[in-house]
Amino acid sequence: MRHIVFDSTELPGNAPSRKECWIDSLSSGYVRLRADSDPGAEFTGRLNILLTGDAAAGSIRGTVRSITRSPAEIAEQNTDNAVLFLNSGQAPMRIEQKGRSLDCPPGSAA
């Protein structure tokens, strides 16, 4: 088993630069995506991923409000896979992939 953590609080710089660095870290280390945060709050994001063979489980918390993967991003990485997502934050989060979207309330899984 392998455990991966992406924590924006461990990154240098101000909130906007930490957000961009966090997204770049996710995109290079796990999967290409875009993330938007709550415009009224300073950005924070923590993603925990547990890799076990061909499966991965993860949780996310912070001021991330949406995560989006475009068809081009999916095709580029050939990662059109099933995702189990747990929103361990305090606010709803929108997940978008392949033209579909889902609002995931706090404490819910998708």
PDB file of N, CA and C in Angstrom:
ATOM      1  N   MET A   1       0.842  -1.186   0.000  1.00  0.00           N
ATOM      2  CA  MET A   1       0.000   0.000   0.000  1.00  0.00           C
ATOM      3  C   MET A   1       0.882   1.241   0.000  1.00  0.00           C
ATOM      4  N   ARG A   2       0.405   2.258  -0.674  1.00  0.00           N
ATOM      5  CA  ARG A   2       1.116   3.533  -0.743  1.00  0.00           C
ATOM      6  C   ARG A   2       0.168   4.642  -0.341  1.00  0.00           C
ATOM      7  N   HIS A   3       0.630   5.576   0.477  1.00  0.00           N
ATOM      8  CA  HIS A   3      -0.182   6.697   0.946  1.00  0.00           C
ATOM      9  C   HIS A   3       0.398   7.981   0.376  1.00  0.00           C
ATOM     10  N   ILE A   4      -0.442   8.770  -0.301  1.00  0.00           N
ATOM     11  CA  ILE A   4      -0.027  10.036  -0.893  1.00  0.00           C
ATOM     12  C   ILE A   4      -0.825  11.149  -0.228  1.00  0.00           C
ATOM     13  N   VAL A   5      -0.146  12.225   0.166  1.00  0.00           N
ATOM     14  CA  VAL A   5      -0.802  13.382   0.777  1.00  0.00           C
ATOM     15  C   VAL A   5      -0.416  14.628   0.001  1.00  0.00           C
ATOM     16  N   PHE A   6      -1.409  15.410  -0.409  1.00  0.00           N
ATOM     17  CA  PHE A   6      -1.196  16.714  -1.026  1.00  0.00           C
ATOM     18  C   PHE A   6      -1.805  17.750  -0.080  1.00  0.00           C
ATOM     19  N   ASP A   7      -0.968  18.499   0.636  1.00  0.00           N
ATOM     20  CA  ASP A   7      -1.441  19.454   1.643  1.00  0.00           C
ATOM     21  C   ASP A   7      -0.953  20.853   1.290  1.00  0.00           C
ATOM     22  N   SER A   8      -1.892  21.754   0.987  1.00  0.00           N
ATOM     23  CA  SER A   8      -1.524  23.108   0.572  1.00  0.00           C
ATOM     24  C   SER A   8      -0.842  23.902   1.680  1.00  0.00           C
ATOM     25  N   THR A   9      -1.101  23.568   2.952  1.00  0.00           N
ATOM     26  CA  THR A   9      -0.490  24.331   4.043  1.00  0.00           C
ATOM     27  C   THR A   9       1.013  24.094   4.128  1.00  0.00           C
ATOM     28  N   GLU A  10       1.503  23.053   3.482  1.00  0.00           N
ATOM     29  CA  GLU A  10       2.932  22.762   3.487  1.00  0.00           C
ATOM     30  C   GLU A  10       3.666  23.433   2.325  1.00  0.00           C
ATOM     31  N   LEU A  11       2.943  24.193   1.504  1.00  0.00           N
ATOM     32  CA  LEU A  11       3.529  24.834   0.342  1.00  0.00           C
ATOM     33  C   LEU A  11       3.898  26.287   0.636  1.00  0.00           C
ATOM     34  N   PRO A  12       4.947  26.817  -0.003  1.00  0.00           N
ATOM     35  CA  PRO A  12       5.354  28.208   0.224  1.00  0.00           C
ATOM     36  C   PRO A  12       4.445  29.201  -0.500  1.00  0.00           C
ATOM     37  N   GLY A  13       4.513  30.450  -0.091  1.00  0.00           N
ATOM     38  CA  GLY A  13       3.819  31.525  -0.791  1.00  0.00           C
ATOM     39  C   GLY A  13       2.479  31.891  -0.192  1.00  0.00           C
ATOM     40  N   ASN A  14       1.784  32.796  -0.900  1.00  0.00           N
ATOM     41  CA  ASN A  14       0.470  33.248  -0.460  1.00  0.00           C
ATOM     42  C   ASN A  14      -0.610  32.283  -0.953  1.00  0.00           C
ATOM     43  N   ALA A  15      -1.851  32.551  -0.559  1.00  0.00           N
ATOM     44  CA  ALA A  15      -2.950  31.627  -0.881  1.00  0.00           C
ATOM     45  C   ALA A  15      -3.084  31.357  -2.381  1.00  0.00           C
ATOM     46  N   PRO A  16      -3.063  32.385  -3.261  1.00  0.00           N
ATOM     47  CA  PRO A  16      -3.192  32.079  -4.695  1.00  0.00           C
ATOM     48  C   PRO A  16      -2.044  31.215  -5.225  1.00  0.00           C
ATOM     49  N   SER A  17      -0.819  31.474  -4.782  1.00  0.00           N
ATOM     50  CA  SER A  17       0.295  30.669  -5.286  1.00  0.00           C
ATOM     51  C   SER A  17       0.257  29.259  -4.699  1.00  0.00           C
ATOM     52  N   ARG A  18      -0.201  29.105  -3.437  1.00  0.00           N
ATOM     53  CA  ARG A  18      -0.347  27.769  -2.852  1.00  0.00           C
ATOM     54  C   ARG A  18      -1.416  26.976  -3.599  1.00  0.00           C
ATOM     55  N   LYS A  19      -2.510  27.640  -3.980  1.00  0.00           N
ATOM     56  CA  LYS A  19      -3.571  26.963  -4.731  1.00  0.00           C
ATOM     57  C   LYS A  19      -3.021  26.441  -6.051  1.00  0.00           C
ATOM     58  N   GLU A  20      -2.323  27.284  -6.800  1.00  0.00           N
ATOM     59  CA  GLU A  20      -1.785  26.860  -8.095  1.00  0.00           C
ATOM     60  C   GLU A  20      -0.759  25.746  -7.930  1.00  0.00           C
ATOM     61  N   CYS A  21       0.089  25.849  -6.921  1.00  0.00           N
ATOM     62  CA  CYS A  21       1.098  24.824  -6.663  1.00  0.00           C
ATOM     63  C   CYS A  21       0.429  23.509  -6.251  1.00  0.00           C
ATOM     64  N   TRP A  22      -0.637  23.583  -5.450  1.00  0.00           N
ATOM     65  CA  TRP A  22      -1.376  22.393  -5.013  1.00  0.00           C
ATOM     66  C   TRP A  22      -1.986  21.676  -6.211  1.00  0.00           C
ATOM     67  N   ILE A  23      -2.622  22.446  -7.093  1.00  0.00           N
ATOM     68  CA  ILE A  23      -3.231  21.861  -8.292  1.00  0.00           C
ATOM     69  C   ILE A  23      -2.154  21.272  -9.190  1.00  0.00           C
ATOM     70  N   ASP A  24      -1.030  21.992  -9.363  1.00  0.00           N
ATOM     71  CA  ASP A  24       0.069  21.466 -10.175  1.00  0.00           C
ATOM     72  C   ASP A  24       0.612  20.170  -9.581  1.00  0.00           C
ATOM     73  N   SER A  25       0.716  20.103  -8.252  1.00  0.00           N
ATOM     74  CA  SER A  25       1.207  18.893  -7.583  1.00  0.00           C
ATOM     75  C   SER A  25       0.270  17.725  -7.836  1.00  0.00           C
ATOM     76  N   LEU A  26      -1.038  17.973  -7.719  1.00  0.00           N
ATOM     77  CA  LEU A  26      -2.012  16.917  -7.995  1.00  0.00           C
ATOM     78  C   LEU A  26      -1.898  16.458  -9.435  1.00  0.00           C
ATOM     79  N   SER A  27      -1.807  17.436 -10.350  1.00  0.00           N
ATOM     80  CA  SER A  27      -1.787  17.117 -11.770  1.00  0.00           C
ATOM     81  C   SER A  27      -0.547  16.329 -12.163  1.00  0.00           C
ATOM     82  N   SER A  28       0.564  16.603 -11.516  1.00  0.00           N
ATOM     83  CA  SER A  28       1.782  15.883 -11.885  1.00  0.00           C
ATOM     84  C   SER A  28       1.922  14.577 -11.111  1.00  0.00           C
ATOM     85  N   GLY A  29       1.383  14.514  -9.898  1.00  0.00           N
ATOM     86  CA  GLY A  29       1.595  13.347  -9.065  1.00  0.00           C
ATOM     87  C   GLY A  29       0.471  12.339  -9.075  1.00  0.00           C
ATOM     88  N   TYR A  30      -0.724  12.728  -9.480  1.00  0.00           N
ATOM     89  CA  TYR A  30      -1.825  11.778  -9.424  1.00  0.00           C
ATOM     90  C   TYR A  30      -2.686  11.845 -10.687  1.00  0.00           C
ATOM     91  N   VAL A  31      -3.369  12.952 -10.884  1.00  0.00           N
ATOM     92  CA  VAL A  31      -4.276  13.029 -12.027  1.00  0.00           C
ATOM     93  C   VAL A  31      -4.449  14.497 -12.434  1.00  0.00           C
ATOM     94  N   ARG A  32      -4.569  14.745 -13.725  1.00  0.00           N
ATOM     95  CA  ARG A  32      -4.781  16.117 -14.211  1.00  0.00           C
ATOM     96  C   ARG A  32      -6.201  16.560 -13.871  1.00  0.00           C
ATOM     97  N   LEU A  33      -6.294  17.776 -13.306  1.00  0.00           N
ATOM     98  CA  LEU A  33      -7.593  18.306 -12.931  1.00  0.00           C
ATOM     99  C   LEU A  33      -7.517  19.811 -12.780  1.00  0.00           C
ATOM    100  N   ARG A  34      -8.675  20.402 -12.595  1.00  0.00           N
ATOM    101  CA  ARG A  34      -8.790  21.812 -12.224  1.00  0.00           C
ATOM    102  C   ARG A  34      -9.592  21.870 -10.938  1.00  0.00           C
ATOM    103  N   ALA A  35      -9.251  22.795 -10.078  1.00  0.00           N
ATOM    104  CA  ALA A  35      -9.973  22.938  -8.815  1.00  0.00           C
ATOM    105  C   ALA A  35     -10.295  24.407  -8.597  1.00  0.00           C
ATOM    106  N   ASP A  36     -11.487  24.666  -8.112  1.00  0.00           N
ATOM    107  CA  ASP A  36     -11.896  26.029  -7.752  1.00  0.00           C
ATOM    108  C   ASP A  36     -12.181  26.053  -6.261  1.00  0.00           C
ATOM    109  N   SER A  37     -11.873  27.187  -5.650  1.00  0.00           N
ATOM    110  CA  SER A  37     -12.073  27.316  -4.211  1.00  0.00           C
ATOM    111  C   SER A  37     -13.173  28.316  -3.902  1.00  0.00           C
ATOM    112  N   ASP A  38     -13.577  28.334  -2.656  1.00  0.00           N
ATOM    113  CA  ASP A  38     -14.555  29.292  -2.159  1.00  0.00           C
ATOM    114  C   ASP A  38     -13.957  30.689  -2.311  1.00  0.00           C
ATOM    115  N   PRO A  39     -14.591  31.580  -3.100  1.00  0.00           N
ATOM    116  CA  PRO A  39     -14.001  32.901  -3.320  1.00  0.00           C
ATOM    117  C   PRO A  39     -13.952  33.759  -2.054  1.00  0.00           C
ATOM    118  N   GLY A  40     -14.723  33.418  -1.036  1.00  0.00           N
ATOM    119  CA  GLY A  40     -14.741  34.215   0.188  1.00  0.00           C
ATOM    120  C   GLY A  40     -13.783  33.733   1.256  1.00  0.00           C
ATOM    121  N   ALA A  41     -12.977  32.715   0.954  1.00  0.00           N
ATOM    122  CA  ALA A  41     -12.084  32.151   1.968  1.00  0.00           C
ATOM    123  C   ALA A  41     -10.687  31.952   1.394  1.00  0.00           C
ATOM    124  N   GLU A  42      -9.691  32.014   2.255  1.00  0.00           N
ATOM    125  CA  GLU A  42      -8.325  31.721   1.830  1.00  0.00           C
ATOM    126  C   GLU A  42      -8.238  30.253   1.442  1.00  0.00           C
ATOM    127  N   PHE A  43      -7.520  29.969   0.379  1.00  0.00           N
ATOM    128  CA  PHE A  43      -7.453  28.606  -0.129  1.00  0.00           C
ATOM    129  C   PHE A  43      -6.701  27.674   0.817  1.00  0.00           C
ATOM    130  N   THR A  44      -7.300  26.513   1.072  1.00  0.00           N
ATOM    131  CA  THR A  44      -6.617  25.391   1.714  1.00  0.00           C
ATOM    132  C   THR A  44      -7.118  24.119   1.037  1.00  0.00           C
ATOM    133  N   GLY A  45      -6.259  23.157   0.923  1.00  0.00           N
ATOM    134  CA  GLY A  45      -6.652  21.882   0.344  1.00  0.00           C
ATOM    135  C   GLY A  45      -5.757  20.772   0.852  1.00  0.00           C
ATOM    136  N   ARG A  46      -6.359  19.675   1.224  1.00  0.00           N
ATOM    137  CA  ARG A  46      -5.612  18.487   1.647  1.00  0.00           C
ATOM    138  C   ARG A  46      -6.299  17.274   1.033  1.00  0.00           C
ATOM    139  N   LEU A  47      -5.543  16.543   0.237  1.00  0.00           N
ATOM    140  CA  LEU A  47      -6.036  15.330  -0.393  1.00  0.00           C
ATOM    141  C   LEU A  47      -5.189  14.169   0.105  1.00  0.00           C
ATOM    142  N   ASN A  48      -5.846  13.157   0.649  1.00  0.00           N
ATOM    143  CA  ASN A  48      -5.197  11.928   1.086  1.00  0.00           C
ATOM    144  C   ASN A  48      -5.625  10.824   0.138  1.00  0.00           C
ATOM    145  N   ILE A  49      -4.654  10.085  -0.393  1.00  0.00           N
ATOM    146  CA  ILE A  49      -4.948   8.991  -1.310  1.00  0.00           C
ATOM    147  C   ILE A  49      -4.221   7.750  -0.810  1.00  0.00           C
ATOM    148  N   LEU A  50      -4.951   6.659  -0.735  1.00  0.00           N
ATOM    149  CA  LEU A  50      -4.378   5.370  -0.379  1.00  0.00           C
ATOM    150  C   LEU A  50      -4.440   4.476  -1.606  1.00  0.00           C
ATOM    151  N   LEU A  51      -3.287   4.087  -2.119  1.00  0.00           N
ATOM    152  CA  LEU A  51      -3.206   3.241  -3.310  1.00  0.00           C
ATOM    153  C   LEU A  51      -2.991   1.799  -2.884  1.00  0.00           C
ATOM    154  N   THR A  52      -3.855   0.919  -3.368  1.00  0.00           N
ATOM    155  CA  THR A  52      -3.741  -0.505  -3.063  1.00  0.00           C
ATOM    156  C   THR A  52      -3.895  -1.276  -4.367  1.00  0.00           C
ATOM    157  N   GLY A  53      -2.788  -1.637  -4.970  1.00  0.00           N
ATOM    158  CA  GLY A  53      -2.851  -2.331  -6.252  1.00  0.00           C
ATOM    159  C   GLY A  53      -3.444  -1.452  -7.325  1.00  0.00           C
ATOM    160  N   ASP A  54      -4.518  -1.921  -7.959  1.00  0.00           N
ATOM    161  CA  ASP A  54      -5.181  -1.162  -9.018  1.00  0.00           C
ATOM    162  C   ASP A  54      -6.240  -0.206  -8.487  1.00  0.00           C
ATOM    163  N   ALA A  55      -6.457  -0.171  -7.185  1.00  0.00           N
ATOM    164  CA  ALA A  55      -7.499   0.685  -6.603  1.00  0.00           C
ATOM    165  C   ALA A  55      -6.864   1.800  -5.771  1.00  0.00           C
ATOM    166  N   ALA A  56      -7.601   2.892  -5.640  1.00  0.00           N
ATOM    167  CA  ALA A  56      -7.176   4.005  -4.812  1.00  0.00           C
ATOM    168  C   ALA A  56      -8.393   4.539  -4.075  1.00  0.00           C
ATOM    169  N   ALA A  57      -8.189   4.950  -2.831  1.00  0.00           N
ATOM    170  CA  ALA A  57      -9.247   5.588  -2.050  1.00  0.00           C
ATOM    171  C   ALA A  57      -8.687   6.894  -1.520  1.00  0.00           C
ATOM    172  N   GLY A  58      -9.513   7.918  -1.496  1.00  0.00           N
ATOM    173  CA  GLY A  58      -9.024   9.211  -1.045  1.00  0.00           C
ATOM    174  C   GLY A  58     -10.071  10.022  -0.323  1.00  0.00           C
ATOM    175  N   SER A  59      -9.596  11.029   0.398  1.00  0.00           N
ATOM    176  CA  SER A  59     -10.493  11.993   1.023  1.00  0.00           C
ATOM    177  C   SER A  59      -9.916  13.381   0.791  1.00  0.00           C
ATOM    178  N   ILE A  60     -10.789  14.372   0.790  1.00  0.00           N
ATOM    179  CA  ILE A  60     -10.362  15.738   0.549  1.00  0.00           C
ATOM    180  C   ILE A  60     -11.045  16.650   1.552  1.00  0.00           C
ATOM    181  N   ARG A  61     -10.300  17.659   1.975  1.00  0.00           N
ATOM    182  CA  ARG A  61     -10.888  18.690   2.836  1.00  0.00           C
ATOM    183  C   ARG A  61     -10.225  20.024   2.530  1.00  0.00           C
ATOM    184  N   GLY A  62     -10.887  21.089   2.897  1.00  0.00           N
ATOM    185  CA  GLY A  62     -10.352  22.428   2.658  1.00  0.00           C
ATOM    186  C   GLY A  62     -11.420  23.328   2.082  1.00  0.00           C
ATOM    187  N   THR A  63     -10.988  24.384   1.405  1.00  0.00           N
ATOM    188  CA  THR A  63     -11.926  25.332   0.812  1.00  0.00           C
ATOM    189  C   THR A  63     -12.145  25.045  -0.669  1.00  0.00           C
ATOM    190  N   VAL A  64     -11.809  23.838  -1.115  1.00  0.00           N
ATOM    191  CA  VAL A  64     -12.041  23.409  -2.493  1.00  0.00           C
ATOM    192  C   VAL A  64     -13.548  23.260  -2.680  1.00  0.00           C
ATOM    193  N   ARG A  65     -14.098  23.899  -3.707  1.00  0.00           N
ATOM    194  CA  ARG A  65     -15.541  23.839  -3.942  1.00  0.00           C
ATOM    195  C   ARG A  65     -15.897  23.028  -5.173  1.00  0.00           C
ATOM    196  N   SER A  66     -14.962  22.882  -6.100  1.00  0.00           N
ATOM    197  CA  SER A  66     -15.240  22.040  -7.267  1.00  0.00           C
ATOM    198  C   SER A  66     -13.942  21.456  -7.796  1.00  0.00           C
ATOM    199  N   ILE A  67     -14.064  20.266  -8.343  1.00  0.00           N
ATOM    200  CA  ILE A  67     -12.964  19.603  -9.022  1.00  0.00           C
ATOM    201  C   ILE A  67     -13.499  19.180 -10.379  1.00  0.00           C
ATOM    202  N   THR A  68     -12.760  19.520 -11.418  1.00  0.00           N
ATOM    203  CA  THR A  68     -13.219  19.270 -12.780  1.00  0.00           C
ATOM    204  C   THR A  68     -12.125  18.559 -13.575  1.00  0.00           C
ATOM    205  N   ARG A  69     -12.527  17.565 -14.361  1.00  0.00           N
ATOM    206  CA  ARG A  69     -11.628  16.909 -15.301  1.00  0.00           C
ATOM    207  C   ARG A  69     -12.277  16.974 -16.671  1.00  0.00           C
ATOM    208  N   SER A  70     -11.562  17.545 -17.611  1.00  0.00           N
ATOM    209  CA  SER A  70     -12.103  17.677 -18.964  1.00  0.00           C
ATOM    210  C   SER A  70     -11.899  16.379 -19.739  1.00  0.00           C
ATOM    211  N   PRO A  71     -12.658  16.185 -20.823  1.00  0.00           N
ATOM    212  CA  PRO A  71     -12.438  15.010 -21.669  1.00  0.00           C
ATOM    213  C   PRO A  71     -10.995  14.923 -22.179  1.00  0.00           C
ATOM    214  N   ALA A  72     -10.387  16.067 -22.481  1.00  0.00           N
ATOM    215  CA  ALA A  72      -8.995  16.064 -22.956  1.00  0.00           C
ATOM    216  C   ALA A  72      -8.047  15.579 -21.862  1.00  0.00           C
ATOM    217  N   GLU A  73      -8.286  15.984 -20.612  1.00  0.00           N
ATOM    218  CA  GLU A  73      -7.433  15.547 -19.504  1.00  0.00           C
ATOM    219  C   GLU A  73      -7.575  14.041 -19.270  1.00  0.00           C
ATOM    220  N   ILE A  74      -8.783  13.544 -19.371  1.00  0.00           N
ATOM    221  CA  ILE A  74      -9.021  12.109 -19.194  1.00  0.00           C
ATOM    222  C   ILE A  74      -8.335  11.326 -20.312  1.00  0.00           C
ATOM    223  N   ALA A  75      -8.497  11.786 -21.557  1.00  0.00           N
ATOM    224  CA  ALA A  75      -7.901  11.100 -22.703  1.00  0.00           C
ATOM    225  C   ALA A  75      -6.376  11.149 -22.653  1.00  0.00           C
ATOM    226  N   GLU A  76      -5.829  12.294 -22.242  1.00  0.00           N
ATOM    227  CA  GLU A  76      -4.373  12.450 -22.198  1.00  0.00           C
ATOM    228  C   GLU A  76      -3.722  11.446 -21.253  1.00  0.00           C
ATOM    229  N   GLN A  77      -4.376  11.172 -20.135  1.00  0.00           N
ATOM    230  CA  GLN A  77      -3.807  10.254 -19.160  1.00  0.00           C
ATOM    231  C   GLN A  77      -4.388   8.847 -19.244  1.00  0.00           C
ATOM    232  N   ASN A  78      -5.387   8.659 -20.109  1.00  0.00           N
ATOM    233  CA  ASN A  78      -6.068   7.366 -20.217  1.00  0.00           C
ATOM    234  C   ASN A  78      -6.528   6.895 -18.831  1.00  0.00           C
ATOM    235  N   THR A  79      -7.189   7.795 -18.112  1.00  0.00           N
ATOM    236  CA  THR A  79      -7.644   7.500 -16.751  1.00  0.00           C
ATOM    237  C   THR A  79      -9.153   7.637 -16.633  1.00  0.00           C
ATOM    238  N   ASP A  80      -9.860   7.071 -17.577  1.00  0.00           N
ATOM    239  CA  ASP A  80     -11.321   7.096 -17.527  1.00  0.00           C
ATOM    240  C   ASP A  80     -11.760   5.983 -16.578  1.00  0.00           C
ATOM    241  N   ASN A  81     -11.565   6.237 -15.289  1.00  0.00           N
ATOM    242  CA  ASN A  81     -11.794   5.196 -14.292  1.00  0.00           C
ATOM    243  C   ASN A  81     -12.899   5.592 -13.318  1.00  0.00           C
ATOM    244  N   ALA A  82     -13.303   4.642 -12.524  1.00  0.00           N
ATOM    245  CA  ALA A  82     -14.294   4.909 -11.486  1.00  0.00           C
ATOM    246  C   ALA A  82     -13.593   5.567 -10.302  1.00  0.00           C
ATOM    247  N   VAL A  83     -14.265   6.518  -9.683  1.00  0.00           N
ATOM    248  CA  VAL A  83     -13.686   7.247  -8.559  1.00  0.00           C
ATOM    249  C   VAL A  83     -14.659   7.206  -7.391  1.00  0.00           C
ATOM    250  N   LEU A  84     -14.173   6.816  -6.232  1.00  0.00           N
ATOM    251  CA  LEU A  84     -14.941   6.916  -4.992  1.00  0.00           C
ATOM    252  C   LEU A  84     -14.385   8.122  -4.267  1.00  0.00           C
ATOM    253  N   PHE A  85     -15.242   9.067  -3.937  1.00  0.00           N
ATOM    254  CA  PHE A  85     -14.817  10.350  -3.400  1.00  0.00           C
ATOM    255  C   PHE A  85     -15.515  10.594  -2.073  1.00  0.00           C
ATOM    256  N   LEU A  86     -14.766  10.977  -1.049  1.00  0.00           N
ATOM    257  CA  LEU A  86     -15.329  11.313   0.258  1.00  0.00           C
ATOM    258  C   LEU A  86     -15.044  12.777   0.546  1.00  0.00           C
ATOM    259  N   ASN A  87     -16.087  13.565   0.738  1.00  0.00           N
ATOM    260  CA  ASN A  87     -15.930  14.968   1.089  1.00  0.00           C
ATOM    261  C   ASN A  87     -15.862  15.058   2.611  1.00  0.00           C
ATOM    262  N   SER A  88     -14.655  15.195   3.147  1.00  0.00           N
ATOM    263  CA  SER A  88     -14.494  15.296   4.598  1.00  0.00           C
ATOM    264  C   SER A  88     -14.381  16.745   5.050  1.00  0.00           C
ATOM    265  N   GLY A  89     -14.747  17.685   4.180  1.00  0.00           N
ATOM    266  CA  GLY A  89     -14.731  19.097   4.525  1.00  0.00           C
ATOM    267  C   GLY A  89     -16.025  19.544   5.185  1.00  0.00           C
ATOM    268  N   GLN A  90     -16.165  20.860   5.332  1.00  0.00           N
ATOM    269  CA  GLN A  90     -17.320  21.439   6.011  1.00  0.00           C
ATOM    270  C   GLN A  90     -18.364  22.010   5.050  1.00  0.00           C
ATOM    271  N   ALA A  91     -18.079  22.004   3.755  1.00  0.00           N
ATOM    272  CA  ALA A  91     -18.988  22.614   2.780  1.00  0.00           C
ATOM    273  C   ALA A  91     -19.199  21.653   1.607  1.00  0.00           C
ATOM    274  N   PRO A  92     -20.297  21.838   0.863  1.00  0.00           N
ATOM    275  CA  PRO A  92     -20.531  20.994  -0.319  1.00  0.00           C
ATOM    276  C   PRO A  92     -19.421  21.184  -1.350  1.00  0.00           C
ATOM    277  N   MET A  93     -19.202  20.166  -2.164  1.00  0.00           N
ATOM    278  CA  MET A  93     -18.210  20.235  -3.223  1.00  0.00           C
ATOM    279  C   MET A  93     -18.835  19.693  -4.496  1.00  0.00           C
ATOM    280  N   ARG A  94     -18.544  20.345  -5.616  1.00  0.00           N
ATOM    281  CA  ARG A  94     -19.057  19.904  -6.918  1.00  0.00           C
ATOM    282  C   ARG A  94     -17.968  19.117  -7.625  1.00  0.00           C
ATOM    283  N   ILE A  95     -18.346  17.974  -8.164  1.00  0.00           N
ATOM    284  CA  ILE A  95     -17.434  17.122  -8.909  1.00  0.00           C
ATOM    285  C   ILE A  95     -17.971  17.042 -10.327  1.00  0.00           C
ATOM    286  N   GLU A  96     -17.105  17.311 -11.332  1.00  0.00           N
ATOM    287  CA  GLU A  96     -17.521  17.283 -12.726  1.00  0.00           C
ATOM    288  C   GLU A  96     -16.566  16.421 -13.527  1.00  0.00           C
ATOM    289  N   GLN A  97     -17.128  15.522 -14.327  1.00  0.00           N
ATOM    290  CA  GLN A  97     -16.333  14.685 -15.213  1.00  0.00           C
ATOM    291  C   GLN A  97     -17.221  14.161 -16.319  1.00  0.00           C
ATOM    292  N   LYS A  98     -16.705  14.156 -17.538  1.00  0.00           N
ATOM    293  CA  LYS A  98     -17.410  13.614 -18.706  1.00  0.00           C
ATOM    294  C   LYS A  98     -18.799  14.231 -18.887  1.00  0.00           C
ATOM    295  N   GLY A  99     -18.909  15.548 -18.689  1.00  0.00           N
ATOM    296  CA  GLY A  99     -20.168  16.228 -18.909  1.00  0.00           C
ATOM    297  C   GLY A  99     -21.205  16.012 -17.826  1.00  0.00           C
ATOM    298  N   ARG A 100     -20.829  15.363 -16.745  1.00  0.00           N
ATOM    299  CA  ARG A 100     -21.753  15.130 -15.629  1.00  0.00           C
ATOM    300  C   ARG A 100     -21.243  15.878 -14.408  1.00  0.00           C
ATOM    301  N   SER A 101     -22.156  16.259 -13.544  1.00  0.00           N
ATOM    302  CA  SER A 101     -21.746  16.914 -12.309  1.00  0.00           C
ATOM    303  C   SER A 101     -22.536  16.339 -11.140  1.00  0.00           C
ATOM    304  N   LEU A 102     -21.932  16.447  -9.971  1.00  0.00           N
ATOM    305  CA  LEU A 102     -22.523  15.919  -8.756  1.00  0.00           C
ATOM    306  C   LEU A 102     -22.149  16.837  -7.609  1.00  0.00           C
ATOM    307  N   ASP A 103     -23.129  17.233  -6.820  1.00  0.00           N
ATOM    308  CA  ASP A 103     -22.855  17.996  -5.606  1.00  0.00           C
ATOM    309  C   ASP A 103     -22.718  16.999  -4.452  1.00  0.00           C
ATOM    310  N   CYS A 104     -21.581  17.046  -3.797  1.00  0.00           N
ATOM    311  CA  CYS A 104     -21.267  16.101  -2.721  1.00  0.00           C
ATOM    312  C   CYS A 104     -21.283  16.869  -1.398  1.00  0.00           C
ATOM    313  N   PRO A 105     -22.323  16.676  -0.573  1.00  0.00           N
ATOM    314  CA  PRO A 105     -22.416  17.376   0.716  1.00  0.00           C
ATOM    315  C   PRO A 105     -21.292  16.932   1.668  1.00  0.00           C
ATOM    316  N   PRO A 106     -20.995  17.739   2.689  1.00  0.00           N
ATOM    317  CA  PRO A 106     -19.992  17.344   3.674  1.00  0.00           C
ATOM    318  C   PRO A 106     -20.332  15.987   4.277  1.00  0.00           C
ATOM    319  N   GLY A 107     -19.311  15.150   4.435  1.00  0.00           N
ATOM    320  CA  GLY A 107     -19.511  13.832   5.022  1.00  0.00           C
ATOM    321  C   GLY A 107     -20.079  12.794   4.082  1.00  0.00           C
ATOM    322  N   SER A 108     -20.311  13.182   2.827  1.00  0.00           N
ATOM    323  CA  SER A 108     -20.889  12.247   1.853  1.00  0.00           C
ATOM    324  C   SER A 108     -19.820  11.685   0.930  1.00  0.00           C
ATOM    325  N   ALA A 109     -20.132  10.565   0.353  1.00  0.00           N
ATOM    326  CA  ALA A 109     -19.247   9.932  -0.622  1.00  0.00           C
ATOM    327  C   ALA A 109     -19.946   9.873  -1.972  1.00  0.00           C
ATOM    328  N   ALA A 110     -19.149   9.876  -3.005  1.00  0.00           N
ATOM    329  CA  ALA A 110     -19.689   9.774  -4.367  1.00  0.00           C
ATOM    330  C   ALA A 110     -18.856   8.796  -5.153  1.00  0.00           C
TER     331      ALA A 110
END
